[in-house]
N, C-alpha and C. Protein backbone atom coordinates (compact mmCIF):
# COMPACT_ATOMS: atom_id res chain seq x y z
N MET A 1 -245.27 96.09 -30.84
CA MET A 1 -245.27 94.70 -30.69
C MET A 1 -244.50 94.09 -29.44
N ALA A 2 -245.05 93.28 -28.61
CA ALA A 2 -244.38 92.90 -27.44
C ALA A 2 -243.36 91.94 -27.91
N SER A 3 -242.21 91.76 -27.15
CA SER A 3 -241.11 91.08 -27.28
C SER A 3 -241.59 89.65 -26.72
N VAL A 4 -240.87 88.54 -27.24
CA VAL A 4 -241.09 87.33 -26.99
C VAL A 4 -240.05 86.79 -26.06
N ARG A 5 -240.48 86.38 -24.85
CA ARG A 5 -239.45 86.10 -23.76
C ARG A 5 -239.48 84.49 -23.80
N THR A 6 -238.35 84.08 -23.35
CA THR A 6 -238.24 82.50 -23.39
C THR A 6 -237.77 81.86 -21.91
N GLY A 7 -238.06 80.71 -21.73
CA GLY A 7 -237.58 80.24 -20.50
C GLY A 7 -237.69 78.76 -20.39
N GLY A 8 -237.44 78.25 -19.25
CA GLY A 8 -237.57 76.68 -19.31
C GLY A 8 -237.24 76.25 -17.88
N CYS A 9 -237.36 74.89 -17.55
CA CYS A 9 -236.93 74.26 -16.23
C CYS A 9 -235.42 74.30 -16.04
N LEU A 10 -235.20 73.61 -15.01
CA LEU A 10 -233.57 73.50 -14.58
C LEU A 10 -232.87 72.52 -15.51
N CYS A 11 -233.36 71.46 -15.59
CA CYS A 11 -232.53 70.61 -16.71
C CYS A 11 -232.75 70.81 -18.07
N GLY A 12 -233.66 71.70 -18.53
CA GLY A 12 -233.78 72.06 -20.04
C GLY A 12 -234.72 71.17 -20.78
N ALA A 13 -235.36 70.24 -20.06
CA ALA A 13 -236.05 69.25 -20.81
C ALA A 13 -237.42 70.00 -21.31
N VAL A 14 -237.94 71.02 -20.54
CA VAL A 14 -239.21 71.79 -20.75
C VAL A 14 -238.76 73.26 -21.25
N ARG A 15 -239.10 73.66 -22.35
CA ARG A 15 -238.93 75.11 -22.81
C ARG A 15 -240.22 75.81 -23.16
N TYR A 16 -240.17 76.97 -23.10
CA TYR A 16 -241.42 77.88 -23.53
C TYR A 16 -241.15 79.07 -24.09
N GLU A 17 -241.94 79.82 -24.63
CA GLU A 17 -241.88 81.16 -25.11
C GLU A 17 -243.21 81.90 -24.76
N SER A 18 -243.02 83.22 -24.49
CA SER A 18 -244.31 83.96 -23.95
C SER A 18 -244.12 85.31 -24.67
N SER A 19 -245.23 85.64 -25.31
CA SER A 19 -245.23 86.96 -26.00
C SER A 19 -246.45 87.87 -25.16
N GLY A 20 -246.45 89.16 -25.23
CA GLY A 20 -247.47 89.76 -24.60
C GLY A 20 -246.80 90.37 -23.30
N ASP A 21 -247.32 91.35 -22.74
CA ASP A 21 -246.89 92.07 -21.58
C ASP A 21 -247.66 91.46 -20.41
N PRO A 22 -246.91 91.26 -19.35
CA PRO A 22 -247.47 90.83 -18.12
C PRO A 22 -248.64 91.75 -17.58
N VAL A 23 -249.73 91.01 -17.18
CA VAL A 23 -250.96 91.64 -16.80
C VAL A 23 -250.83 92.00 -15.16
N PHE A 24 -250.03 91.24 -14.54
CA PHE A 24 -250.01 91.45 -13.03
C PHE A 24 -248.65 90.82 -12.78
N SER A 25 -247.88 91.54 -11.89
CA SER A 25 -246.40 91.13 -11.50
C SER A 25 -246.57 90.78 -9.67
N LEU A 26 -246.40 89.86 -9.20
CA LEU A 26 -246.75 89.55 -7.87
C LEU A 26 -245.76 88.74 -7.08
N GLN A 27 -245.54 88.56 -5.70
CA GLN A 27 -245.13 87.68 -5.10
C GLN A 27 -246.17 87.19 -4.17
N CYS A 28 -246.48 85.85 -4.30
CA CYS A 28 -247.44 85.22 -3.71
C CYS A 28 -247.02 84.45 -2.26
N HIS A 29 -247.60 84.87 -1.38
CA HIS A 29 -247.10 84.21 0.07
C HIS A 29 -248.25 83.07 0.59
N CYS A 30 -248.97 82.57 -0.30
CA CYS A 30 -249.86 81.63 0.30
C CYS A 30 -249.17 80.35 0.65
N ARG A 31 -249.83 79.57 1.37
CA ARG A 31 -249.17 78.19 1.92
C ARG A 31 -248.89 77.34 0.59
N ASP A 32 -249.78 77.33 -0.34
CA ASP A 32 -249.70 76.44 -1.45
C ASP A 32 -248.39 76.70 -2.29
N CYS A 33 -248.14 78.02 -2.35
CA CYS A 33 -246.95 78.46 -3.10
C CYS A 33 -245.64 78.23 -2.34
N GLN A 34 -245.71 78.48 -0.91
CA GLN A 34 -244.72 78.03 -0.17
C GLN A 34 -244.09 76.57 -0.15
N ARG A 35 -245.34 75.78 -0.16
CA ARG A 35 -245.00 74.38 -0.23
C ARG A 35 -244.35 73.97 -1.83
N ALA A 36 -244.97 74.57 -2.78
CA ALA A 36 -244.69 74.10 -4.16
C ALA A 36 -243.14 74.64 -4.45
N SER A 37 -242.80 75.92 -3.86
CA SER A 37 -241.51 76.51 -4.21
C SER A 37 -240.41 76.04 -2.94
N GLY A 38 -240.86 75.52 -2.01
CA GLY A 38 -239.98 75.28 -0.86
C GLY A 38 -239.38 76.42 -0.12
N THR A 39 -239.95 77.54 -0.34
CA THR A 39 -239.48 78.90 0.36
C THR A 39 -240.68 79.77 0.83
N ALA A 40 -240.55 81.04 0.99
CA ALA A 40 -241.46 81.88 1.56
C ALA A 40 -242.41 82.35 0.81
N TYR A 41 -242.16 82.41 -0.66
CA TYR A 41 -243.15 82.94 -1.85
C TYR A 41 -242.82 82.52 -3.16
N VAL A 42 -243.54 82.87 -4.16
CA VAL A 42 -243.35 82.73 -5.41
C VAL A 42 -243.43 83.98 -6.18
N ALA A 43 -242.35 84.34 -6.90
CA ALA A 43 -242.34 85.42 -7.81
C ALA A 43 -243.17 84.88 -8.90
N ALA A 44 -244.05 85.66 -9.59
CA ALA A 44 -244.74 85.32 -10.67
C ALA A 44 -245.38 86.52 -11.34
N GLU A 45 -245.83 86.23 -12.72
CA GLU A 45 -246.28 87.26 -13.57
C GLU A 45 -247.49 86.50 -14.23
N ARG A 46 -248.48 87.25 -14.18
CA ARG A 46 -249.69 86.63 -15.07
C ARG A 46 -249.48 87.08 -16.58
N VAL A 47 -249.34 86.36 -17.34
CA VAL A 47 -249.28 86.69 -18.85
C VAL A 47 -250.45 86.11 -19.61
N PRO A 48 -250.76 86.60 -20.78
CA PRO A 48 -251.60 86.14 -21.74
C PRO A 48 -251.64 84.80 -22.00
N ALA A 49 -252.54 83.86 -21.81
CA ALA A 49 -252.26 82.57 -22.14
C ALA A 49 -252.28 82.47 -23.68
N ALA A 50 -252.88 83.29 -24.68
CA ALA A 50 -252.79 83.35 -25.94
C ALA A 50 -251.51 83.43 -26.49
N GLY A 51 -250.51 83.90 -25.77
CA GLY A 51 -249.30 84.29 -26.16
C GLY A 51 -248.16 83.30 -25.51
N PHE A 52 -248.70 82.49 -24.74
CA PHE A 52 -247.84 81.45 -24.17
C PHE A 52 -247.86 80.08 -24.74
N ARG A 53 -246.53 79.31 -25.06
CA ARG A 53 -246.80 78.13 -25.46
C ARG A 53 -245.33 77.44 -25.16
N ILE A 54 -245.62 75.91 -24.91
CA ILE A 54 -244.44 75.03 -24.67
C ILE A 54 -243.72 74.94 -26.05
N ILE A 55 -242.43 75.05 -26.17
CA ILE A 55 -242.06 74.96 -27.39
C ILE A 55 -241.00 73.56 -27.35
N ALA A 56 -240.80 73.00 -26.09
CA ALA A 56 -240.03 71.80 -26.13
C ALA A 56 -240.27 70.87 -24.87
N GLY A 57 -240.49 69.54 -24.92
CA GLY A 57 -240.85 68.80 -23.81
C GLY A 57 -242.34 68.64 -23.50
N ALA A 58 -242.70 67.98 -22.42
CA ALA A 58 -244.00 67.59 -22.01
C ALA A 58 -244.07 67.57 -20.70
N PRO A 59 -244.37 68.95 -20.06
CA PRO A 59 -244.44 69.02 -18.88
C PRO A 59 -245.54 68.24 -18.11
N LYS A 60 -245.40 67.91 -16.75
CA LYS A 60 -246.48 67.35 -15.98
C LYS A 60 -247.33 68.33 -15.34
N ARG A 61 -248.65 67.89 -14.94
CA ARG A 61 -249.59 68.94 -14.25
C ARG A 61 -250.01 68.19 -13.04
N HIS A 62 -250.46 68.99 -11.97
CA HIS A 62 -251.00 68.49 -10.57
C HIS A 62 -252.26 69.44 -10.59
N LEU A 63 -253.30 68.93 -10.51
CA LEU A 63 -254.56 69.69 -10.31
C LEU A 63 -255.11 69.61 -8.81
N ALA A 64 -255.24 70.81 -8.22
CA ALA A 64 -255.53 70.77 -6.86
C ALA A 64 -256.57 72.23 -6.46
N LYS A 65 -256.89 72.29 -5.32
CA LYS A 65 -257.69 73.53 -5.00
C LYS A 65 -256.68 74.41 -4.31
N ALA A 66 -256.76 75.70 -4.75
CA ALA A 66 -255.97 76.79 -4.32
C ALA A 66 -256.32 77.19 -2.86
N ASP A 67 -255.53 78.10 -2.23
CA ASP A 67 -256.11 78.66 -1.01
C ASP A 67 -257.26 79.61 -1.20
N SER A 68 -257.59 80.17 -2.50
CA SER A 68 -258.57 80.92 -2.83
C SER A 68 -259.93 80.07 -2.95
N GLY A 69 -259.73 78.61 -3.21
CA GLY A 69 -260.82 77.70 -3.45
C GLY A 69 -261.11 77.48 -4.75
N ASN A 70 -260.35 78.30 -5.69
CA ASN A 70 -260.33 77.84 -7.12
C ASN A 70 -259.60 76.55 -7.36
N GLU A 71 -259.77 75.92 -8.44
CA GLU A 71 -259.01 74.82 -9.02
C GLU A 71 -257.80 75.33 -9.66
N ILE A 72 -256.70 74.78 -9.26
CA ILE A 72 -255.40 75.39 -9.84
C ILE A 72 -254.61 74.11 -10.54
N THR A 73 -254.04 74.40 -11.69
CA THR A 73 -253.28 73.36 -12.46
C THR A 73 -251.81 74.03 -12.16
N ARG A 74 -251.00 73.00 -11.47
CA ARG A 74 -249.54 73.51 -11.50
C ARG A 74 -248.79 72.64 -12.37
N VAL A 75 -247.98 73.39 -13.29
CA VAL A 75 -247.35 72.75 -14.27
C VAL A 75 -245.89 72.86 -14.15
N PHE A 76 -245.13 71.50 -14.06
CA PHE A 76 -243.78 71.34 -13.71
C PHE A 76 -243.10 70.20 -14.57
N CYS A 77 -241.73 70.57 -14.61
CA CYS A 77 -240.95 69.47 -15.37
C CYS A 77 -241.00 68.16 -14.67
N GLY A 78 -241.38 67.00 -15.16
CA GLY A 78 -241.30 65.75 -14.58
C GLY A 78 -240.04 65.10 -14.38
N ASP A 79 -238.95 65.73 -14.91
CA ASP A 79 -237.68 65.11 -14.78
C ASP A 79 -236.96 65.78 -13.65
N CYS A 80 -236.86 67.24 -13.62
CA CYS A 80 -236.14 67.90 -12.60
C CYS A 80 -236.96 68.38 -11.61
N GLY A 81 -238.37 68.51 -11.75
CA GLY A 81 -239.28 69.08 -10.77
C GLY A 81 -239.50 70.45 -10.77
N SER A 82 -238.94 71.33 -11.45
CA SER A 82 -239.03 72.78 -11.65
C SER A 82 -240.51 73.16 -11.78
N ALA A 83 -241.02 73.94 -10.93
CA ALA A 83 -242.35 74.66 -11.15
C ALA A 83 -242.21 75.62 -12.33
N ILE A 84 -243.21 75.57 -13.38
CA ILE A 84 -243.04 76.42 -14.43
C ILE A 84 -244.03 77.53 -14.46
N TYR A 85 -245.35 77.01 -14.32
CA TYR A 85 -246.48 77.98 -14.42
C TYR A 85 -247.72 77.31 -13.80
N VAL A 86 -248.46 78.16 -13.42
CA VAL A 86 -249.94 77.83 -12.98
C VAL A 86 -250.94 78.17 -13.86
N GLN A 87 -252.31 77.67 -13.88
CA GLN A 87 -253.48 78.26 -14.55
C GLN A 87 -254.55 78.02 -13.46
N VAL A 88 -255.23 78.90 -13.28
CA VAL A 88 -256.51 78.74 -12.37
C VAL A 88 -257.79 78.77 -13.13
N SER A 89 -258.60 77.80 -12.83
CA SER A 89 -259.81 77.42 -13.50
C SER A 89 -260.58 78.68 -13.90
N THR A 90 -260.71 79.76 -13.14
CA THR A 90 -261.56 80.89 -13.15
C THR A 90 -261.17 81.80 -14.25
N ARG A 91 -259.73 81.75 -14.60
CA ARG A 91 -259.14 82.67 -15.62
C ARG A 91 -258.19 81.77 -16.61
N PRO A 92 -258.79 81.09 -17.52
CA PRO A 92 -258.09 80.31 -18.47
C PRO A 92 -257.32 81.23 -19.56
N ASP A 93 -257.59 82.48 -19.40
CA ASP A 93 -257.08 83.23 -20.43
C ASP A 93 -255.78 83.91 -19.83
N LEU A 94 -255.25 83.39 -18.59
CA LEU A 94 -254.05 84.01 -18.13
C LEU A 94 -253.29 82.82 -17.56
N VAL A 95 -251.82 82.82 -17.62
CA VAL A 95 -250.91 81.83 -17.09
C VAL A 95 -250.04 82.33 -16.11
N GLY A 96 -249.94 81.83 -15.17
CA GLY A 96 -249.14 82.33 -13.85
C GLY A 96 -247.79 81.94 -13.94
N LEU A 97 -247.00 82.45 -14.73
CA LEU A 97 -245.59 82.21 -14.94
C LEU A 97 -244.66 82.29 -13.77
N ARG A 98 -243.77 81.44 -13.46
CA ARG A 98 -242.76 81.39 -12.65
C ARG A 98 -241.54 82.17 -13.04
N VAL A 99 -241.16 83.46 -12.27
CA VAL A 99 -240.43 84.33 -12.94
C VAL A 99 -238.86 83.70 -12.95
N GLY A 100 -238.53 83.02 -11.97
CA GLY A 100 -237.34 82.27 -12.02
C GLY A 100 -236.99 81.48 -13.18
N THR A 101 -238.01 80.93 -13.91
CA THR A 101 -237.80 80.07 -15.03
C THR A 101 -237.53 80.82 -16.44
N LEU A 102 -237.69 82.22 -16.45
CA LEU A 102 -237.37 83.04 -17.45
C LEU A 102 -235.77 82.92 -17.69
N ASP A 103 -235.48 82.89 -18.89
CA ASP A 103 -234.03 83.09 -19.32
C ASP A 103 -233.31 84.15 -18.70
N ASP A 104 -234.11 85.49 -18.73
CA ASP A 104 -233.68 86.65 -18.26
C ASP A 104 -234.84 87.29 -17.36
N PRO A 105 -234.85 86.85 -16.06
CA PRO A 105 -235.83 87.15 -15.21
C PRO A 105 -235.38 88.59 -14.66
N SER A 106 -234.40 89.30 -15.06
CA SER A 106 -234.05 90.67 -14.45
C SER A 106 -235.26 91.84 -14.60
N GLY A 107 -236.07 91.61 -15.63
CA GLY A 107 -237.06 92.78 -15.87
C GLY A 107 -238.13 92.63 -15.17
N PHE A 108 -238.39 91.65 -14.05
CA PHE A 108 -239.55 91.50 -13.04
C PHE A 108 -239.60 92.72 -12.27
N ARG A 109 -240.71 93.36 -12.16
CA ARG A 109 -240.89 94.46 -11.33
C ARG A 109 -242.36 94.15 -10.32
N VAL A 110 -242.12 93.70 -9.23
CA VAL A 110 -243.33 93.34 -8.31
C VAL A 110 -244.16 94.38 -8.16
N GLU A 111 -245.53 94.22 -8.36
CA GLU A 111 -246.52 95.15 -8.06
C GLU A 111 -247.24 94.98 -6.72
N ALA A 112 -247.07 93.85 -6.21
CA ALA A 112 -247.81 93.60 -4.82
C ALA A 112 -247.29 92.08 -4.40
N ASP A 113 -247.45 92.28 -3.02
CA ASP A 113 -247.31 91.02 -2.03
C ASP A 113 -248.76 90.47 -1.83
N ILE A 114 -249.05 89.18 -2.30
CA ILE A 114 -250.34 88.74 -2.04
C ILE A 114 -250.28 87.56 -1.04
N PHE A 115 -251.66 87.36 -0.50
CA PHE A 115 -251.63 86.15 0.75
C PHE A 115 -250.91 86.60 1.68
N VAL A 116 -250.54 87.76 2.18
CA VAL A 116 -249.70 87.90 3.23
C VAL A 116 -250.07 87.62 4.49
N ARG A 117 -251.37 87.16 4.66
CA ARG A 117 -251.72 86.50 5.85
C ARG A 117 -251.23 85.39 6.16
N SER A 118 -250.55 84.60 5.11
CA SER A 118 -249.76 83.42 5.36
C SER A 118 -248.25 83.71 5.18
N ALA A 119 -247.89 84.92 5.02
CA ALA A 119 -246.32 85.12 5.06
C ALA A 119 -245.75 84.68 6.24
N GLN A 120 -244.56 84.15 6.14
CA GLN A 120 -243.79 83.71 7.17
C GLN A 120 -242.96 84.93 7.86
N PRO A 121 -243.02 84.96 9.18
CA PRO A 121 -242.39 86.10 10.10
C PRO A 121 -241.04 86.09 9.90
N TRP A 122 -240.26 85.26 9.41
CA TRP A 122 -238.73 85.42 9.14
C TRP A 122 -238.60 85.89 7.71
N ASP A 123 -239.55 86.25 6.98
CA ASP A 123 -239.36 86.57 5.60
C ASP A 123 -239.45 88.19 5.43
N TYR A 124 -238.40 88.80 5.03
CA TYR A 124 -238.41 90.25 4.95
C TYR A 124 -239.27 90.64 3.60
N MET A 125 -240.10 91.38 3.86
CA MET A 125 -240.98 91.93 2.54
C MET A 125 -240.60 93.47 2.46
N ASN A 126 -240.28 93.98 1.28
CA ASN A 126 -240.07 95.33 0.84
C ASN A 126 -241.22 96.18 1.44
N PRO A 127 -241.26 97.16 2.22
CA PRO A 127 -242.32 97.83 2.87
C PRO A 127 -242.85 98.95 1.72
N ASP A 128 -242.03 98.98 0.63
CA ASP A 128 -242.62 99.82 -0.47
C ASP A 128 -243.45 99.08 -1.39
N VAL A 129 -243.57 97.85 -1.44
CA VAL A 129 -244.47 97.10 -2.23
C VAL A 129 -245.87 97.05 -1.49
N PRO A 130 -247.14 97.19 -2.12
CA PRO A 130 -248.31 97.10 -1.54
C PRO A 130 -248.60 95.78 -1.02
N LYS A 131 -249.43 95.51 -0.02
CA LYS A 131 -249.48 94.34 0.65
C LYS A 131 -251.12 93.93 0.73
N TYR A 132 -251.49 92.66 0.37
CA TYR A 132 -252.90 92.21 0.38
C TYR A 132 -252.91 91.04 1.29
N PRO A 133 -254.03 90.79 2.05
CA PRO A 133 -254.17 89.75 2.89
C PRO A 133 -254.60 88.40 2.06
N ALA A 134 -255.16 88.71 0.94
CA ALA A 134 -255.66 87.68 0.01
C ALA A 134 -255.17 88.18 -1.31
N TYR A 135 -256.08 88.17 -2.33
CA TYR A 135 -255.79 88.56 -3.61
C TYR A 135 -256.23 90.16 -3.82
N PRO A 136 -255.59 90.93 -4.43
CA PRO A 136 -255.91 92.42 -4.57
C PRO A 136 -257.33 92.68 -5.13
N PRO A 137 -258.02 93.26 -4.68
CA PRO A 137 -259.51 93.66 -5.27
C PRO A 137 -259.14 93.99 -6.72
N GLY A 138 -260.02 93.67 -7.56
CA GLY A 138 -259.89 94.13 -9.17
C GLY A 138 -259.19 93.21 -9.91
N LYS A 139 -258.45 92.36 -9.34
CA LYS A 139 -257.43 91.48 -10.07
C LYS A 139 -258.11 90.33 -10.65
N SER A 140 -259.02 89.67 -9.81
CA SER A 140 -259.77 88.62 -10.12
C SER A 140 -259.08 87.31 -10.58
N TYR A 141 -257.92 87.12 -9.91
CA TYR A 141 -257.15 85.96 -10.31
C TYR A 141 -256.48 85.22 -9.10
N GLY A 142 -257.42 84.95 -8.07
CA GLY A 142 -256.84 84.19 -6.93
C GLY A 142 -256.25 82.86 -7.34
N GLY A 143 -255.14 82.65 -6.77
CA GLY A 143 -254.54 81.29 -7.16
C GLY A 143 -253.61 81.10 -5.86
């Protein structure tokens, strides 16, 4: 049985729990993630939506088109602005959880750097992590 992981926003108004192992762990360098995070990339885990739930608060949502062309819903705390997760219209079965919102993010193990065609030249990327110009083939969750 997978353990339940918990997390939330900076101010604590929004809390969540997630059960089930991550499907894919990544660092996304797309311009949308850069703008949403205010830095070079977003560390994220794609987790099963069936095991994810908000347990406190009512986050806000922003619907937009992702770099991939898919509709993406970005979910964040309306009080402190912390980005919590994303959902892409083509994969409602997955939640793109922002790793920094986990109560214990130390277990994150990146599998790939994605959308590196948009990576900033000043950002150091670990050469041991696989790099993809867009979304990796076979993962079918561009966001």
